Amino acid sequence: MNTTQHSLDLSPLICRPKLRIAEIDRLIRKHRIIVPPLSRRVLREMCENGTFETVGNAPTSIGWLVFEDSFLRWVKSLET
């Protein structure tokens, strides 16, 4: 592997897909996961109280980032 290819290898950084709160809100509305949908304030509180597993303990410069598998676990937990 030459130096350029080696320096552009991002595979260790791209481990778990992340979702913004806006995307979670869109998915809840589109798939009617909860009707009426949760407010953005409630979604932020779910990040703060640990319901969703997030990147870090505080919002990033672009807001909260939630690991996709954490969101999917939460959706599956609603079915039981």
PDB file of N, CA and C in Angstrom:
ATOM      1  N   MET A   1       0.861  -1.172   0.000  1.00  0.00           N
ATOM      2  CA  MET A   1       0.000   0.000   0.000  1.00  0.00           C
ATOM      3  C   MET A   1       0.905   1.232   0.000  1.00  0.00           C
ATOM      4  N   ASN A   2       0.688   2.086  -0.954  1.00  0.00           N
ATOM      5  CA  ASN A   2       1.558   3.263  -0.983  1.00  0.00           C
ATOM      6  C   ASN A   2       1.130   4.285   0.068  1.00  0.00           C
ATOM      7  N   THR A   3       1.920   5.316   0.228  1.00  0.00           N
ATOM      8  CA  THR A   3       1.686   6.273   1.316  1.00  0.00           C
ATOM      9  C   THR A   3       0.355   6.993   1.195  1.00  0.00           C
ATOM     10  N   THR A   4      -0.052   7.357   0.004  1.00  0.00           N
ATOM     11  CA  THR A   4      -1.319   8.070  -0.165  1.00  0.00           C
ATOM     12  C   THR A   4      -2.490   7.191   0.249  1.00  0.00           C
ATOM     13  N   GLN A   5      -2.498   5.959  -0.199  1.00  0.00           N
ATOM     14  CA  GLN A   5      -3.587   5.055   0.173  1.00  0.00           C
ATOM     15  C   GLN A   5      -3.597   4.800   1.670  1.00  0.00           C
ATOM     16  N   HIS A   6      -2.436   4.665   2.251  1.00  0.00           N
ATOM     17  CA  HIS A   6      -2.349   4.403   3.688  1.00  0.00           C
ATOM     18  C   HIS A   6      -2.877   5.574   4.500  1.00  0.00           C
ATOM     19  N   SER A   7      -2.545   6.787   4.100  1.00  0.00           N
ATOM     20  CA  SER A   7      -2.981   7.949   4.878  1.00  0.00           C
ATOM     21  C   SER A   7      -4.471   8.216   4.724  1.00  0.00           C
ATOM     22  N   LEU A   8      -5.104   7.711   3.658  1.00  0.00           N
ATOM     23  CA  LEU A   8      -6.534   7.921   3.452  1.00  0.00           C
ATOM     24  C   LEU A   8      -7.385   6.763   3.963  1.00  0.00           C
ATOM     25  N   ASP A   9      -6.798   5.799   4.618  1.00  0.00           N
ATOM     26  CA  ASP A   9      -7.543   4.667   5.153  1.00  0.00           C
ATOM     27  C   ASP A   9      -8.347   5.117   6.370  1.00  0.00           C
ATOM     28  N   LEU A  10      -9.651   5.286   6.196  1.00  0.00           N
ATOM     29  CA  LEU A  10     -10.521   5.784   7.264  1.00  0.00           C
ATOM     30  C   LEU A  10     -11.288   4.664   7.960  1.00  0.00           C
ATOM     31  N   SER A  11     -11.035   3.421   7.624  1.00  0.00           N
ATOM     32  CA  SER A  11     -11.818   2.319   8.174  1.00  0.00           C
ATOM     33  C   SER A  11     -11.833   2.270   9.702  1.00  0.00           C
ATOM     34  N   PRO A  12     -10.747   2.579  10.427  1.00  0.00           N
ATOM     35  CA  PRO A  12     -10.854   2.560  11.891  1.00  0.00           C
ATOM     36  C   PRO A  12     -11.766   3.659  12.438  1.00  0.00           C
ATOM     37  N   LEU A  13     -11.934   4.747  11.676  1.00  0.00           N
ATOM     38  CA  LEU A  13     -12.748   5.864  12.156  1.00  0.00           C
ATOM     39  C   LEU A  13     -14.228   5.656  11.883  1.00  0.00           C
ATOM     40  N   ILE A  14     -14.552   4.858  10.902  1.00  0.00           N
ATOM     41  CA  ILE A  14     -15.941   4.678  10.488  1.00  0.00           C
ATOM     42  C   ILE A  14     -16.438   3.350  11.035  1.00  0.00           C
ATOM     43  N   CYS A  15     -16.573   3.274  12.324  1.00  0.00           N
ATOM     44  CA  CYS A  15     -16.967   2.028  12.975  1.00  0.00           C
ATOM     45  C   CYS A  15     -18.477   1.907  13.080  1.00  0.00           C
ATOM     46  N   ARG A  16     -19.103   2.869  13.715  1.00  0.00           N
ATOM     47  CA  ARG A  16     -20.532   2.809  13.972  1.00  0.00           C
ATOM     48  C   ARG A  16     -21.198   4.028  13.343  1.00  0.00           C
ATOM     49  N   PRO A  17     -22.200   3.810  12.490  1.00  0.00           N
ATOM     50  CA  PRO A  17     -22.909   4.949  11.895  1.00  0.00           C
ATOM     51  C   PRO A  17     -23.583   5.794  12.978  1.00  0.00           C
ATOM     52  N   LYS A  18     -23.628   7.089  12.730  1.00  0.00           N
ATOM     53  CA  LYS A  18     -24.215   8.039  13.672  1.00  0.00           C
ATOM     54  C   LYS A  18     -25.353   8.792  12.997  1.00  0.00           C
ATOM     55  N   LEU A  19     -26.369   9.146  13.789  1.00  0.00           N
ATOM     56  CA  LEU A  19     -27.525   9.897  13.296  1.00  0.00           C
ATOM     57  C   LEU A  19     -27.639  11.199  14.064  1.00  0.00           C
ATOM     58  N   ARG A  20     -28.005  12.253  13.360  1.00  0.00           N
ATOM     59  CA  ARG A  20     -28.332  13.509  14.034  1.00  0.00           C
ATOM     60  C   ARG A  20     -29.754  13.412  14.576  1.00  0.00           C
ATOM     61  N   ILE A  21     -30.044  14.263  15.538  1.00  0.00           N
ATOM     62  CA  ILE A  21     -31.403  14.302  16.111  1.00  0.00           C
ATOM     63  C   ILE A  21     -32.436  14.584  15.016  1.00  0.00           C
ATOM     64  N   ALA A  22     -32.093  15.435  14.062  1.00  0.00           N
ATOM     65  CA  ALA A  22     -33.030  15.756  12.980  1.00  0.00           C
ATOM     66  C   ALA A  22     -33.387  14.513  12.167  1.00  0.00           C
ATOM     67  N   GLU A  23     -32.419  13.633  11.950  1.00  0.00           N
ATOM     68  CA  GLU A  23     -32.680  12.405  11.205  1.00  0.00           C
ATOM     69  C   GLU A  23     -33.539  11.447  12.020  1.00  0.00           C
ATOM     70  N   ILE A  24     -33.283  11.374  13.303  1.00  0.00           N
ATOM     71  CA  ILE A  24     -34.114  10.532  14.177  1.00  0.00           C
ATOM     72  C   ILE A  24     -35.553  11.038  14.165  1.00  0.00           C
ATOM     73  N   ASP A  25     -35.718  12.352  14.251  1.00  0.00           N
ATOM     74  CA  ASP A  25     -37.044  12.963  14.192  1.00  0.00           C
ATOM     75  C   ASP A  25     -37.734  12.612  12.868  1.00  0.00           C
ATOM     76  N   ARG A  26     -36.996  12.701  11.768  1.00  0.00           N
ATOM     77  CA  ARG A  26     -37.555  12.397  10.450  1.00  0.00           C
ATOM     78  C   ARG A  26     -37.978  10.931  10.355  1.00  0.00           C
ATOM     79  N   LEU A  27     -37.154  10.027  10.876  1.00  0.00           N
ATOM     80  CA  LEU A  27     -37.483   8.599  10.833  1.00  0.00           C
ATOM     81  C   LEU A  27     -38.717   8.278  11.673  1.00  0.00           C
ATOM     82  N   ILE A  28     -38.813   8.897  12.839  1.00  0.00           N
ATOM     83  CA  ILE A  28     -39.983   8.671  13.703  1.00  0.00           C
ATOM     84  C   ILE A  28     -41.254   9.134  13.002  1.00  0.00           C
ATOM     85  N   ARG A  29     -41.195  10.272  12.345  1.00  0.00           N
ATOM     86  CA  ARG A  29     -42.370  10.797  11.634  1.00  0.00           C
ATOM     87  C   ARG A  29     -42.701   9.956  10.402  1.00  0.00           C
ATOM     88  N   LYS A  30     -41.677   9.638   9.597  1.00  0.00           N
ATOM     89  CA  LYS A  30     -41.894   8.920   8.340  1.00  0.00           C
ATOM     90  C   LYS A  30     -42.465   7.526   8.580  1.00  0.00           C
ATOM     91  N   HIS A  31     -41.909   6.813   9.547  1.00  0.00           N
ATOM     92  CA  HIS A  31     -42.327   5.431   9.792  1.00  0.00           C
ATOM     93  C   HIS A  31     -43.384   5.313  10.886  1.00  0.00           C
ATOM     94  N   ARG A  32     -43.818   6.471  11.382  1.00  0.00           N
ATOM     95  CA  ARG A  32     -44.876   6.518  12.400  1.00  0.00           C
ATOM     96  C   ARG A  32     -44.551   5.585  13.569  1.00  0.00           C
ATOM     97  N   ILE A  33     -43.325   5.713  14.064  1.00  0.00           N
ATOM     98  CA  ILE A  33     -42.862   4.866  15.163  1.00  0.00           C
ATOM     99  C   ILE A  33     -43.630   5.186  16.439  1.00  0.00           C
ATOM    100  N   ILE A  34     -43.828   6.470  16.693  1.00  0.00           N
ATOM    101  CA  ILE A  34     -44.640   6.937  17.826  1.00  0.00           C
ATOM    102  C   ILE A  34     -45.544   8.040  17.293  1.00  0.00           C
ATOM    103  N   VAL A  35     -46.837   7.907  17.559  1.00  0.00           N
ATOM    104  CA  VAL A  35     -47.798   8.919  17.111  1.00  0.00           C
ATOM    105  C   VAL A  35     -48.519   9.441  18.332  1.00  0.00           C
ATOM    106  N   PRO A  36     -48.537  10.725  18.580  1.00  0.00           N
ATOM    107  CA  PRO A  36     -47.809  11.789  17.879  1.00  0.00           C
ATOM    108  C   PRO A  36     -46.307  11.674  18.132  1.00  0.00           C
ATOM    109  N   PRO A  37     -45.497  12.184  17.191  1.00  0.00           N
ATOM    110  CA  PRO A  37     -44.039  12.053  17.322  1.00  0.00           C
ATOM    111  C   PRO A  37     -43.499  12.832  18.518  1.00  0.00           C
ATOM    112  N   LEU A  38     -42.357  12.373  18.997  1.00  0.00           N
ATOM    113  CA  LEU A  38     -41.700  13.056  20.121  1.00  0.00           C
ATOM    114  C   LEU A  38     -41.160  14.402  19.665  1.00  0.00           C
ATOM    115  N   SER A  39     -41.130  15.350  20.573  1.00  0.00           N
ATOM    116  CA  SER A  39     -40.581  16.663  20.242  1.00  0.00           C
ATOM    117  C   SER A  39     -39.058  16.600  20.234  1.00  0.00           C
ATOM    118  N   ARG A  40     -38.433  17.576  19.609  1.00  0.00           N
ATOM    119  CA  ARG A  40     -36.965  17.640  19.605  1.00  0.00           C
ATOM    120  C   ARG A  40     -36.438  17.770  21.032  1.00  0.00           C
ATOM    121  N   ARG A  41     -37.161  18.485  21.882  1.00  0.00           N
ATOM    122  CA  ARG A  41     -36.741  18.654  23.277  1.00  0.00           C
ATOM    123  C   ARG A  41     -36.680  17.298  23.971  1.00  0.00           C
ATOM    124  N   VAL A  42     -37.693  16.471  23.756  1.00  0.00           N
ATOM    125  CA  VAL A  42     -37.715  15.142  24.368  1.00  0.00           C
ATOM    126  C   VAL A  42     -36.582  14.283  23.815  1.00  0.00           C
ATOM    127  N   LEU A  43     -36.313  14.370  22.520  1.00  0.00           N
ATOM    128  CA  LEU A  43     -35.211  13.610  21.928  1.00  0.00           C
ATOM    129  C   LEU A  43     -33.869  14.045  22.520  1.00  0.00           C
ATOM    130  N   ARG A  44     -33.688  15.344  22.742  1.00  0.00           N
ATOM    131  CA  ARG A  44     -32.451  15.826  23.374  1.00  0.00           C
ATOM    132  C   ARG A  44     -32.344  15.298  24.801  1.00  0.00           C
ATOM    133  N   GLU A  45     -33.463  15.286  25.527  1.00  0.00           N
ATOM    134  CA  GLU A  45     -33.456  14.746  26.893  1.00  0.00           C
ATOM    135  C   GLU A  45     -33.095  13.265  26.901  1.00  0.00           C
ATOM    136  N   MET A  46     -33.537  12.531  25.889  1.00  0.00           N
ATOM    137  CA  MET A  46     -33.207  11.113  25.791  1.00  0.00           C
ATOM    138  C   MET A  46     -31.704  10.916  25.562  1.00  0.00           C
ATOM    139  N   CYS A  47     -31.080  11.865  24.892  1.00  0.00           N
ATOM    140  CA  CYS A  47     -29.623  11.822  24.728  1.00  0.00           C
ATOM    141  C   CYS A  47     -28.947  12.101  26.066  1.00  0.00           C
ATOM    142  N   GLU A  48     -29.459  13.088  26.785  1.00  0.00           N
ATOM    143  CA  GLU A  48     -28.850  13.498  28.054  1.00  0.00           C
ATOM    144  C   GLU A  48     -29.004  12.433  29.139  1.00  0.00           C
ATOM    145  N   ASN A  49     -30.143  11.737  29.172  1.00  0.00           N
ATOM    146  CA  ASN A  49     -30.362  10.766  30.243  1.00  0.00           C
ATOM    147  C   ASN A  49     -29.851   9.362  29.906  1.00  0.00           C
ATOM    148  N   GLY A  50     -29.274   9.191  28.710  1.00  0.00           N
ATOM    149  CA  GLY A  50     -28.652   7.924  28.369  1.00  0.00           C
ATOM    150  C   GLY A  50     -29.554   6.922  27.668  1.00  0.00           C
ATOM    151  N   THR A  51     -30.763   7.314  27.306  1.00  0.00           N
ATOM    152  CA  THR A  51     -31.634   6.413  26.553  1.00  0.00           C
ATOM    153  C   THR A  51     -30.982   6.066  25.220  1.00  0.00           C
ATOM    154  N   PHE A  52     -30.433   7.085  24.545  1.00  0.00           N
ATOM    155  CA  PHE A  52     -29.675   6.879  23.318  1.00  0.00           C
ATOM    156  C   PHE A  52     -28.193   6.942  23.662  1.00  0.00           C
ATOM    157  N   GLU A  53     -27.416   6.059  23.071  1.00  0.00           N
ATOM    158  CA  GLU A  53     -25.967   6.114  23.231  1.00  0.00           C
ATOM    159  C   GLU A  53     -25.435   7.164  22.259  1.00  0.00           C
ATOM    160  N   THR A  54     -24.736   8.146  22.786  1.00  0.00           N
ATOM    161  CA  THR A  54     -24.296   9.280  21.976  1.00  0.00           C
ATOM    162  C   THR A  54     -22.778   9.353  21.883  1.00  0.00           C
ATOM    163  N   VAL A  55     -22.333  10.164  20.942  1.00  0.00           N
ATOM    164  CA  VAL A  55     -20.905  10.455  20.802  1.00  0.00           C
ATOM    165  C   VAL A  55     -20.584  11.516  21.841  1.00  0.00           C
ATOM    166  N   GLY A  56     -19.868  11.158  22.866  1.00  0.00           N
ATOM    167  CA  GLY A  56     -19.545  12.104  23.931  1.00  0.00           C
ATOM    168  C   GLY A  56     -20.701  12.298  24.895  1.00  0.00           C
ATOM    169  N   ASN A  57     -20.457  13.148  25.890  1.00  0.00           N
ATOM    170  CA  ASN A  57     -21.460  13.413  26.930  1.00  0.00           C
ATOM    171  C   ASN A  57     -22.192  14.726  26.725  1.00  0.00           C
ATOM    172  N   ALA A  58     -21.871  15.417  25.658  1.00  0.00           N
ATOM    173  CA  ALA A  58     -22.490  16.711  25.378  1.00  0.00           C
ATOM    174  C   ALA A  58     -22.664  16.838  23.871  1.00  0.00           C
ATOM    175  N   PRO A  59     -23.541  17.734  23.442  1.00  0.00           N
ATOM    176  CA  PRO A  59     -23.726  17.901  22.005  1.00  0.00           C
ATOM    177  C   PRO A  59     -22.431  18.370  21.327  1.00  0.00           C
ATOM    178  N   THR A  60     -22.244  17.931  20.093  1.00  0.00           N
ATOM    179  CA  THR A  60     -21.098  18.381  19.315  1.00  0.00           C
ATOM    180  C   THR A  60     -21.438  19.738  18.708  1.00  0.00           C
ATOM    181  N   SER A  61     -20.566  20.256  17.882  1.00  0.00           N
ATOM    182  CA  SER A  61     -20.828  21.547  17.246  1.00  0.00           C
ATOM    183  C   SER A  61     -22.029  21.488  16.306  1.00  0.00           C
ATOM    184  N   ILE A  62     -22.411  20.282  15.864  1.00  0.00           N
ATOM    185  CA  ILE A  62     -23.582  20.137  14.992  1.00  0.00           C
ATOM    186  C   ILE A  62     -24.775  19.534  15.730  1.00  0.00           C
ATOM    187  N   GLY A  63     -24.699  19.470  17.035  1.00  0.00           N
ATOM    188  CA  GLY A  63     -25.787  18.914  17.838  1.00  0.00           C
ATOM    189  C   GLY A  63     -25.451  17.508  18.315  1.00  0.00           C
ATOM    190  N   TRP A  64     -26.444  16.847  18.874  1.00  0.00           N
ATOM    191  CA  TRP A  64     -26.246  15.490  19.381  1.00  0.00           C
ATOM    192  C   TRP A  64     -26.074  14.522  18.225  1.00  0.00           C
ATOM    193  N   LEU A  65     -25.138  13.594  18.371  1.00  0.00           N
ATOM    194  CA  LEU A  65     -24.964  12.498  17.424  1.00  0.00           C
ATOM    195  C   LEU A  65     -25.248  11.195  18.166  1.00  0.00           C
ATOM    196  N   VAL A  66     -26.187  10.437  17.651  1.00  0.00           N
ATOM    197  CA  VAL A  66     -26.639   9.199  18.283  1.00  0.00           C
ATOM    198  C   VAL A  66     -26.171   8.025  17.432  1.00  0.00           C
ATOM    199  N   PHE A  67     -25.634   7.008  18.074  1.00  0.00           N
ATOM    200  CA  PHE A  67     -25.243   5.811  17.333  1.00  0.00           C
ATOM    201  C   PHE A  67     -26.489   5.126  16.806  1.00  0.00           C
ATOM    202  N   GLU A  68     -26.453   4.756  15.533  1.00  0.00           N
ATOM    203  CA  GLU A  68     -27.607   4.171  14.867  1.00  0.00           C
ATOM    204  C   GLU A  68     -28.091   2.901  15.564  1.00  0.00           C
ATOM    205  N   ASP A  69     -27.172   2.039  15.990  1.00  0.00           N
ATOM    206  CA  ASP A  69     -27.588   0.798  16.644  1.00  0.00           C
ATOM    207  C   ASP A  69     -28.303   1.067  17.963  1.00  0.00           C
ATOM    208  N   SER A  70     -27.944   2.141  18.628  1.00  0.00           N
ATOM    209  CA  SER A  70     -28.616   2.532  19.870  1.00  0.00           C
ATOM    210  C   SER A  70     -30.063   2.940  19.594  1.00  0.00           C
ATOM    211  N   PHE A  71     -30.258   3.712  18.532  1.00  0.00           N
ATOM    212  CA  PHE A  71     -31.604   4.120  18.140  1.00  0.00           C
ATOM    213  C   PHE A  71     -32.449   2.902  17.763  1.00  0.00           C
ATOM    214  N   LEU A  72     -31.871   1.978  17.001  1.00  0.00           N
ATOM    215  CA  LEU A  72     -32.615   0.785  16.588  1.00  0.00           C
ATOM    216  C   LEU A  72     -32.977  -0.099  17.777  1.00  0.00           C
ATOM    217  N   ARG A  73     -32.086  -0.197  18.777  1.00  0.00           N
ATOM    218  CA  ARG A  73     -32.394  -0.945  20.008  1.00  0.00           C
ATOM    219  C   ARG A  73     -33.594  -0.323  20.711  1.00  0.00           C
ATOM    220  N   TRP A  74     -33.621   1.007  20.768  1.00  0.00           N
ATOM    221  CA  TRP A  74     -34.713   1.705  21.432  1.00  0.00           C
ATOM    222  C   TRP A  74     -36.030   1.421  20.694  1.00  0.00           C
ATOM    223  N   VAL A  75     -36.010   1.460  19.366  1.00  0.00           N
ATOM    224  CA  VAL A  75     -37.228   1.184  18.588  1.00  0.00           C
ATOM    225  C   VAL A  75     -37.704  -0.238  18.864  1.00  0.00           C
ATOM    226  N   LYS A  76     -36.791  -1.198  18.878  1.00  0.00           N
ATOM    227  CA  LYS A  76     -37.184  -2.595  19.151  1.00  0.00           C
ATOM    228  C   LYS A  76     -37.735  -2.740  20.562  1.00  0.00           C
ATOM    229  N   SER A  77     -37.231  -1.965  21.502  1.00  0.00           N
ATOM    230  CA  SER A  77     -37.723  -2.054  22.880  1.00  0.00           C
ATOM    231  C   SER A  77     -39.165  -1.563  23.006  1.00  0.00           C
ATOM    232  N   LEU A  78     -39.615  -0.760  22.067  1.00  0.00           N
ATOM    233  CA  LEU A  78     -40.998  -0.277  22.084  1.00  0.00           C
ATOM    234  C   LEU A  78     -42.000  -1.384  21.755  1.00  0.00           C
ATOM    235  N   GLU A  79     -41.524  -2.405  21.057  1.00  0.00           N
ATOM    236  CA  GLU A  79     -42.412  -3.488  20.628  1.00  0.00           C
ATOM    237  C   GLU A  79     -42.703  -4.484  21.744  1.00  0.00           C
ATOM    238  N   THR A  80     -41.937  -4.467  22.816  1.00  0.00           N
ATOM    239  CA  THR A  80     -42.159  -5.442  23.885  1.00  0.00           C
ATOM    240  C   THR A  80     -43.002  -4.875  24.998  1.00  0.00           C
TER     241      THR A  80
END
